[in-house]
Amino acid sequence: MKTFVITSSSNENDFLRAKCLGIDAYLLKDAFIDDIVYGLKVVERGGKFYSADLIENVGNVSEEEKKIDMLTRREIEVITLLRKGYSNAKIGEVLYVSEGTVKKHLSNIFGKLDLYNRAEAMLFAERNSEKLQLTLKAV
């Protein structure tokens, strides 16, 4: 059986996940009809076909996205709650840890992301909210 995906997601993680699952073709829904027809022919002959736009952008990860990969699952949970404006006490309550543990996680986050305070961490989390959520789901 052949798997041909036409999607609106140009997210690199979605593409790589689909590729790992062995899909035969991955095209963006705004692809030209000629590309879709050509992709069908390639797959029919036993080949793989991926949108050129996706292939060009694989591996083009921003410095901030690379830094996110250094965070532990718990640190991602903490910075995600921080983004929502939660206090250290509220973060601790939600994650069932002490306020001191939250402070330690924040200190680790600041060091790993080269940030100096909560405001910078909140801005970082806002800019990278999609990547943080995807990373949480993947871990």
N, C-alpha and C. Protein backbone atom coordinates (compact mmCIF):
# COMPACT_ATOMS: atom_id res chain seq x y z
N MET A 1 0.84 -1.18 0.00
CA MET A 1 0.00 0.00 0.00
C MET A 1 0.89 1.25 0.00
N LYS A 2 0.54 2.23 -0.78
CA LYS A 2 1.27 3.48 -0.90
C LYS A 2 0.56 4.56 -0.08
N THR A 3 1.35 5.45 0.52
CA THR A 3 0.79 6.53 1.32
C THR A 3 1.18 7.86 0.70
N PHE A 4 0.20 8.63 0.31
CA PHE A 4 0.39 9.92 -0.35
C PHE A 4 -0.28 10.98 0.52
N VAL A 5 0.49 11.87 1.12
CA VAL A 5 -0.05 12.87 2.04
C VAL A 5 -0.08 14.24 1.35
N ILE A 6 -1.25 14.86 1.37
CA ILE A 6 -1.40 16.25 0.94
C ILE A 6 -1.87 17.00 2.17
N THR A 7 -1.07 17.98 2.60
CA THR A 7 -1.31 18.62 3.89
C THR A 7 -1.09 20.12 3.83
N SER A 8 -1.58 20.80 4.84
CA SER A 8 -1.34 22.25 4.96
C SER A 8 -0.12 22.50 5.85
N SER A 9 0.41 21.46 6.48
CA SER A 9 1.51 21.63 7.41
C SER A 9 2.87 21.60 6.71
N SER A 10 3.55 22.73 6.79
CA SER A 10 4.92 22.80 6.27
C SER A 10 5.92 22.72 7.42
N ASN A 11 5.43 22.33 8.59
CA ASN A 11 6.27 22.20 9.77
C ASN A 11 7.28 21.08 9.58
N GLU A 12 8.53 21.38 9.84
CA GLU A 12 9.60 20.40 9.62
C GLU A 12 9.40 19.15 10.46
N ASN A 13 8.95 19.31 11.70
CA ASN A 13 8.74 18.14 12.57
C ASN A 13 7.66 17.22 12.02
N ASP A 14 6.59 17.81 11.50
CA ASP A 14 5.52 17.00 10.91
C ASP A 14 6.03 16.22 9.70
N PHE A 15 6.79 16.92 8.86
CA PHE A 15 7.36 16.29 7.67
C PHE A 15 8.30 15.14 8.05
N LEU A 16 9.21 15.41 8.99
CA LEU A 16 10.17 14.37 9.38
C LEU A 16 9.48 13.19 10.05
N ARG A 17 8.45 13.47 10.84
CA ARG A 17 7.69 12.39 11.48
C ARG A 17 7.01 11.51 10.42
N ALA A 18 6.40 12.17 9.43
CA ALA A 18 5.74 11.42 8.35
C ALA A 18 6.77 10.61 7.56
N LYS A 19 7.91 11.21 7.31
CA LYS A 19 8.97 10.52 6.56
C LYS A 19 9.45 9.28 7.33
N CYS A 20 9.60 9.43 8.64
CA CYS A 20 10.01 8.29 9.48
C CYS A 20 8.96 7.19 9.48
N LEU A 21 7.71 7.56 9.32
CA LEU A 21 6.64 6.57 9.28
C LEU A 21 6.57 5.85 7.94
N GLY A 22 7.40 6.31 6.99
CA GLY A 22 7.49 5.63 5.71
C GLY A 22 6.51 6.08 4.65
N ILE A 23 6.00 7.31 4.78
CA ILE A 23 5.08 7.78 3.74
C ILE A 23 5.82 7.86 2.40
N ASP A 24 5.08 7.69 1.34
CA ASP A 24 5.68 7.68 0.01
C ASP A 24 5.73 9.07 -0.62
N ALA A 25 4.79 9.94 -0.25
CA ALA A 25 4.78 11.29 -0.80
C ALA A 25 4.22 12.25 0.24
N TYR A 26 4.78 13.44 0.28
CA TYR A 26 4.34 14.48 1.21
C TYR A 26 4.33 15.79 0.44
N LEU A 27 3.14 16.28 0.14
CA LEU A 27 2.99 17.51 -0.63
C LEU A 27 2.15 18.51 0.13
N LEU A 28 2.46 19.77 -0.06
CA LEU A 28 1.66 20.82 0.54
C LEU A 28 0.40 21.02 -0.30
N LYS A 29 -0.70 21.36 0.36
CA LYS A 29 -1.98 21.43 -0.35
C LYS A 29 -2.02 22.53 -1.40
N ASP A 30 -1.11 23.49 -1.33
CA ASP A 30 -1.08 24.54 -2.35
C ASP A 30 -0.13 24.20 -3.51
N ALA A 31 0.27 22.94 -3.60
CA ALA A 31 1.15 22.50 -4.69
C ALA A 31 0.41 22.61 -6.03
N PHE A 32 1.18 22.84 -7.08
CA PHE A 32 0.59 22.88 -8.42
C PHE A 32 0.10 21.48 -8.80
N ILE A 33 -0.94 21.43 -9.60
CA ILE A 33 -1.51 20.16 -10.02
C ILE A 33 -0.47 19.31 -10.74
N ASP A 34 0.41 19.96 -11.49
CA ASP A 34 1.48 19.22 -12.18
C ASP A 34 2.38 18.48 -11.19
N ASP A 35 2.68 19.13 -10.05
CA ASP A 35 3.50 18.48 -9.03
C ASP A 35 2.78 17.28 -8.43
N ILE A 36 1.49 17.42 -8.20
CA ILE A 36 0.71 16.33 -7.63
C ILE A 36 0.68 15.14 -8.58
N VAL A 37 0.42 15.41 -9.85
CA VAL A 37 0.38 14.35 -10.86
C VAL A 37 1.75 13.67 -10.97
N TYR A 38 2.80 14.49 -11.01
CA TYR A 38 4.15 13.94 -11.09
C TYR A 38 4.45 13.08 -9.85
N GLY A 39 4.06 13.57 -8.68
CA GLY A 39 4.26 12.82 -7.44
C GLY A 39 3.55 11.48 -7.47
N LEU A 40 2.33 11.47 -8.00
CA LEU A 40 1.58 10.20 -8.12
C LEU A 40 2.32 9.22 -9.03
N LYS A 41 2.87 9.72 -10.12
CA LYS A 41 3.61 8.85 -11.04
C LYS A 41 4.87 8.31 -10.39
N VAL A 42 5.58 9.15 -9.66
CA VAL A 42 6.80 8.71 -8.98
C VAL A 42 6.48 7.61 -7.97
N VAL A 43 5.44 7.82 -7.18
CA VAL A 43 5.04 6.84 -6.16
C VAL A 43 4.57 5.56 -6.82
N GLU A 44 3.82 5.69 -7.91
CA GLU A 44 3.34 4.52 -8.64
C GLU A 44 4.50 3.64 -9.11
N ARG A 45 5.61 4.27 -9.46
CA ARG A 45 6.79 3.54 -9.93
C ARG A 45 7.67 3.05 -8.79
N GLY A 46 7.23 3.28 -7.54
CA GLY A 46 7.98 2.78 -6.39
C GLY A 46 8.91 3.79 -5.75
N GLY A 47 8.87 5.04 -6.19
CA GLY A 47 9.75 6.07 -5.63
C GLY A 47 9.09 6.84 -4.51
N LYS A 48 9.82 7.82 -3.99
CA LYS A 48 9.32 8.72 -2.95
C LYS A 48 9.28 10.12 -3.55
N PHE A 49 8.31 10.93 -3.12
CA PHE A 49 8.20 12.28 -3.63
C PHE A 49 7.81 13.22 -2.50
N TYR A 50 8.64 14.26 -2.31
CA TYR A 50 8.39 15.25 -1.26
C TYR A 50 8.42 16.64 -1.87
N SER A 51 7.60 17.54 -1.36
CA SER A 51 7.57 18.91 -1.85
C SER A 51 8.96 19.52 -1.78
N ALA A 52 9.35 20.18 -2.84
CA ALA A 52 10.68 20.80 -2.90
C ALA A 52 10.87 21.83 -1.79
N ASP A 53 9.82 22.58 -1.47
CA ASP A 53 9.92 23.59 -0.42
C ASP A 53 10.30 22.97 0.92
N LEU A 54 9.77 21.79 1.21
CA LEU A 54 10.09 21.11 2.46
C LEU A 54 11.53 20.62 2.47
N ILE A 55 11.96 20.04 1.39
CA ILE A 55 13.31 19.50 1.30
C ILE A 55 14.34 20.62 1.47
N GLU A 56 14.07 21.77 0.87
CA GLU A 56 15.00 22.91 0.96
C GLU A 56 15.14 23.42 2.38
N ASN A 57 14.07 23.33 3.16
CA ASN A 57 14.09 23.92 4.50
C ASN A 57 14.45 22.94 5.62
N VAL A 58 14.58 21.66 5.31
CA VAL A 58 14.94 20.69 6.33
C VAL A 58 16.33 21.02 6.84
N GLY A 59 16.45 21.11 8.14
CA GLY A 59 17.74 21.41 8.75
C GLY A 59 17.99 22.89 8.95
N ASN A 60 17.14 23.75 8.39
CA ASN A 60 17.28 25.18 8.59
C ASN A 60 16.59 25.56 9.90
N VAL A 61 17.23 25.23 10.99
CA VAL A 61 16.66 25.45 12.31
C VAL A 61 17.30 26.68 12.92
N SER A 62 16.49 27.55 13.47
CA SER A 62 17.01 28.78 14.08
C SER A 62 17.83 28.44 15.33
N GLU A 63 18.64 29.38 15.74
CA GLU A 63 19.44 29.21 16.95
C GLU A 63 18.55 29.00 18.16
N GLU A 64 17.42 29.71 18.20
CA GLU A 64 16.51 29.56 19.34
C GLU A 64 15.92 28.15 19.37
N GLU A 65 15.58 27.61 18.21
CA GLU A 65 15.02 26.25 18.16
C GLU A 65 16.06 25.23 18.61
N LYS A 66 17.32 25.46 18.28
CA LYS A 66 18.38 24.56 18.74
C LYS A 66 18.49 24.60 20.25
N LYS A 67 18.32 25.78 20.83
CA LYS A 67 18.40 25.91 22.29
C LYS A 67 17.26 25.15 22.97
N ILE A 68 16.09 25.14 22.36
CA ILE A 68 14.94 24.44 22.95
C ILE A 68 15.26 22.96 23.11
N ASP A 69 16.02 22.41 22.16
CA ASP A 69 16.37 21.00 22.22
C ASP A 69 17.24 20.67 23.43
N MET A 70 17.84 21.67 24.05
CA MET A 70 18.68 21.45 25.24
C MET A 70 17.84 21.36 26.51
N LEU A 71 16.58 21.78 26.45
CA LEU A 71 15.72 21.79 27.63
C LEU A 71 15.15 20.41 27.92
N THR A 72 15.00 20.12 29.20
CA THR A 72 14.33 18.89 29.61
C THR A 72 12.81 19.08 29.47
N ARG A 73 12.11 17.98 29.53
CA ARG A 73 10.64 18.06 29.45
C ARG A 73 10.10 18.97 30.56
N ARG A 74 10.60 18.81 31.76
CA ARG A 74 10.11 19.61 32.90
C ARG A 74 10.41 21.10 32.69
N GLU A 75 11.59 21.41 32.15
CA GLU A 75 11.92 22.81 31.89
C GLU A 75 10.99 23.41 30.84
N ILE A 76 10.62 22.60 29.85
CA ILE A 76 9.67 23.08 28.83
C ILE A 76 8.31 23.32 29.47
N GLU A 77 7.90 22.44 30.37
CA GLU A 77 6.64 22.64 31.08
C GLU A 77 6.68 23.94 31.88
N VAL A 78 7.80 24.18 32.56
CA VAL A 78 7.94 25.38 33.38
C VAL A 78 7.88 26.64 32.52
N ILE A 79 8.65 26.68 31.43
CA ILE A 79 8.67 27.90 30.60
C ILE A 79 7.33 28.10 29.89
N THR A 80 6.62 27.03 29.60
CA THR A 80 5.30 27.15 28.99
C THR A 80 4.32 27.77 29.98
N LEU A 81 4.38 27.36 31.24
CA LEU A 81 3.52 27.96 32.26
C LEU A 81 3.94 29.40 32.56
N LEU A 82 5.23 29.66 32.53
CA LEU A 82 5.74 31.02 32.72
C LEU A 82 5.18 31.93 31.62
N ARG A 83 5.13 31.44 30.41
CA ARG A 83 4.57 32.19 29.28
C ARG A 83 3.13 32.61 29.55
N LYS A 84 2.40 31.78 30.26
CA LYS A 84 1.01 32.08 30.58
C LYS A 84 0.88 33.08 31.73
N GLY A 85 2.03 33.51 32.29
CA GLY A 85 2.02 34.50 33.36
C GLY A 85 1.93 33.92 34.75
N TYR A 86 2.14 32.63 34.90
CA TYR A 86 2.04 32.00 36.21
C TYR A 86 3.21 32.41 37.10
N SER A 87 2.93 32.57 38.39
CA SER A 87 3.98 32.84 39.37
C SER A 87 4.72 31.54 39.67
N ASN A 88 5.86 31.65 40.34
CA ASN A 88 6.60 30.44 40.72
C ASN A 88 5.73 29.52 41.58
N ALA A 89 4.98 30.11 42.49
CA ALA A 89 4.12 29.31 43.38
C ALA A 89 3.05 28.57 42.57
N LYS A 90 2.44 29.26 41.61
CA LYS A 90 1.39 28.64 40.78
C LYS A 90 1.98 27.54 39.89
N ILE A 91 3.18 27.79 39.33
CA ILE A 91 3.84 26.77 38.51
C ILE A 91 4.10 25.53 39.36
N GLY A 92 4.60 25.74 40.57
CA GLY A 92 4.85 24.62 41.49
C GLY A 92 3.59 23.85 41.81
N GLU A 93 2.51 24.57 42.02
CA GLU A 93 1.22 23.94 42.32
C GLU A 93 0.74 23.08 41.14
N VAL A 94 0.84 23.62 39.94
CA VAL A 94 0.40 22.89 38.75
C VAL A 94 1.25 21.65 38.49
N LEU A 95 2.56 21.78 38.72
CA LEU A 95 3.49 20.67 38.42
C LEU A 95 3.76 19.78 39.64
N TYR A 96 3.14 20.10 40.78
CA TYR A 96 3.31 19.33 42.01
C TYR A 96 4.77 19.29 42.47
N VAL A 97 5.41 20.45 42.43
CA VAL A 97 6.78 20.59 42.94
C VAL A 97 6.83 21.83 43.82
N SER A 98 7.91 21.97 44.58
CA SER A 98 8.04 23.12 45.46
C SER A 98 8.41 24.37 44.67
N GLU A 99 8.19 25.51 45.28
CA GLU A 99 8.56 26.78 44.65
C GLU A 99 10.08 26.85 44.44
N GLY A 100 10.82 26.27 45.37
CA GLY A 100 12.27 26.22 45.24
C GLY A 100 12.71 25.41 44.02
N THR A 101 12.00 24.32 43.75
CA THR A 101 12.31 23.51 42.57
C THR A 101 12.02 24.29 41.30
N VAL A 102 10.93 25.05 41.30
CA VAL A 102 10.60 25.90 40.14
C VAL A 102 11.72 26.91 39.92
N LYS A 103 12.20 27.53 41.00
CA LYS A 103 13.29 28.51 40.88
C LYS A 103 14.53 27.85 40.28
N LYS A 104 14.82 26.63 40.69
CA LYS A 104 15.98 25.90 40.15
C LYS A 104 15.78 25.63 38.66
N HIS A 105 14.58 25.21 38.27
CA HIS A 105 14.30 24.99 36.85
C HIS A 105 14.46 26.28 36.06
N LEU A 106 13.96 27.39 36.60
CA LEU A 106 14.09 28.68 35.91
C LEU A 106 15.56 29.08 35.77
N SER A 107 16.33 28.84 36.79
CA SER A 107 17.77 29.14 36.73
C SER A 107 18.43 28.32 35.61
N ASN A 108 18.07 27.04 35.52
CA ASN A 108 18.61 26.18 34.46
C ASN A 108 18.17 26.68 33.08
N ILE A 109 16.91 27.08 32.97
CA ILE A 109 16.37 27.58 31.71
C ILE A 109 17.13 28.85 31.29
N PHE A 110 17.29 29.78 32.23
CA PHE A 110 18.01 31.02 31.92
C PHE A 110 19.42 30.71 31.41
N GLY A 111 20.10 29.77 32.05
CA GLY A 111 21.45 29.41 31.63
C GLY A 111 21.49 28.77 30.25
N LYS A 112 20.60 27.82 30.02
CA LYS A 112 20.59 27.11 28.74
C LYS A 112 20.20 28.01 27.58
N LEU A 113 19.29 28.94 27.84
CA LEU A 113 18.78 29.80 26.76
C LEU A 113 19.49 31.15 26.70
N ASP A 114 20.46 31.35 27.59
CA ASP A 114 21.23 32.59 27.65
C ASP A 114 20.30 33.79 27.88
N LEU A 115 19.44 33.65 28.89
CA LEU A 115 18.49 34.70 29.26
C LEU A 115 18.84 35.21 30.65
N TYR A 116 18.33 36.40 30.98
CA TYR A 116 18.69 37.01 32.25
C TYR A 116 17.54 37.14 33.24
N ASN A 117 16.30 37.07 32.76
CA ASN A 117 15.18 37.25 33.68
C ASN A 117 13.89 36.64 33.13
N ARG A 118 12.85 36.71 33.95
CA ARG A 118 11.55 36.13 33.59
C ARG A 118 10.96 36.77 32.34
N ALA A 119 11.13 38.08 32.24
CA ALA A 119 10.56 38.79 31.08
C ALA A 119 11.18 38.27 29.78
N GLU A 120 12.48 38.10 29.76
CA GLU A 120 13.14 37.56 28.57
C GLU A 120 12.67 36.14 28.29
N ALA A 121 12.50 35.36 29.35
CA ALA A 121 12.04 33.97 29.20
C ALA A 121 10.62 33.94 28.64
N MET A 122 9.76 34.84 29.11
CA MET A 122 8.39 34.90 28.62
C MET A 122 8.37 35.28 27.13
N LEU A 123 9.19 36.23 26.73
CA LEU A 123 9.27 36.63 25.33
C LEU A 123 9.79 35.49 24.47
N PHE A 124 10.82 34.80 24.97
CA PHE A 124 11.37 33.64 24.25
C PHE A 124 10.27 32.58 24.06
N ALA A 125 9.54 32.30 25.12
CA ALA A 125 8.49 31.29 25.06
C ALA A 125 7.38 31.71 24.10
N GLU A 126 7.07 32.98 24.05
CA GLU A 126 6.04 33.47 23.14
C GLU A 126 6.49 33.31 21.69
N ARG A 127 7.74 33.69 21.40
CA ARG A 127 8.26 33.57 20.03
C ARG A 127 8.34 32.13 19.56
N ASN A 128 8.55 31.21 20.50
CA ASN A 128 8.78 29.81 20.17
C ASN A 128 7.69 28.89 20.70
N SER A 129 6.50 29.42 20.90
CA SER A 129 5.43 28.63 21.52
C SER A 129 5.09 27.37 20.73
N GLU A 130 5.08 27.47 19.40
CA GLU A 130 4.74 26.30 18.58
C GLU A 130 5.79 25.20 18.74
N LYS A 131 7.05 25.57 18.68
CA LYS A 131 8.14 24.59 18.82
C LYS A 131 8.11 23.97 20.22
N LEU A 132 7.84 24.78 21.24
CA LEU A 132 7.77 24.25 22.60
C LEU A 132 6.65 23.22 22.73
N GLN A 133 5.48 23.51 22.15
CA GLN A 133 4.36 22.58 22.22
C GLN A 133 4.65 21.29 21.47
N LEU A 134 5.26 21.42 20.29
CA LEU A 134 5.62 20.23 19.51
C LEU A 134 6.64 19.38 20.26
N THR A 135 7.59 20.03 20.88
CA THR A 135 8.61 19.30 21.63
C THR A 135 7.98 18.58 22.81
N LEU A 136 7.04 19.22 23.49
CA LEU A 136 6.35 18.57 24.62
C LEU A 136 5.61 17.33 24.17
N LYS A 137 4.97 17.40 23.01
CA LYS A 137 4.21 16.25 22.50
C LYS A 137 5.14 15.12 22.09
N ALA A 138 6.32 15.48 21.59
CA ALA A 138 7.25 14.48 21.09
C ALA A 138 8.01 13.76 22.21
N VAL A 139 8.16 14.45 23.33
CA VAL A 139 8.96 13.87 24.44
C VAL A 139 8.13 12.95 25.27
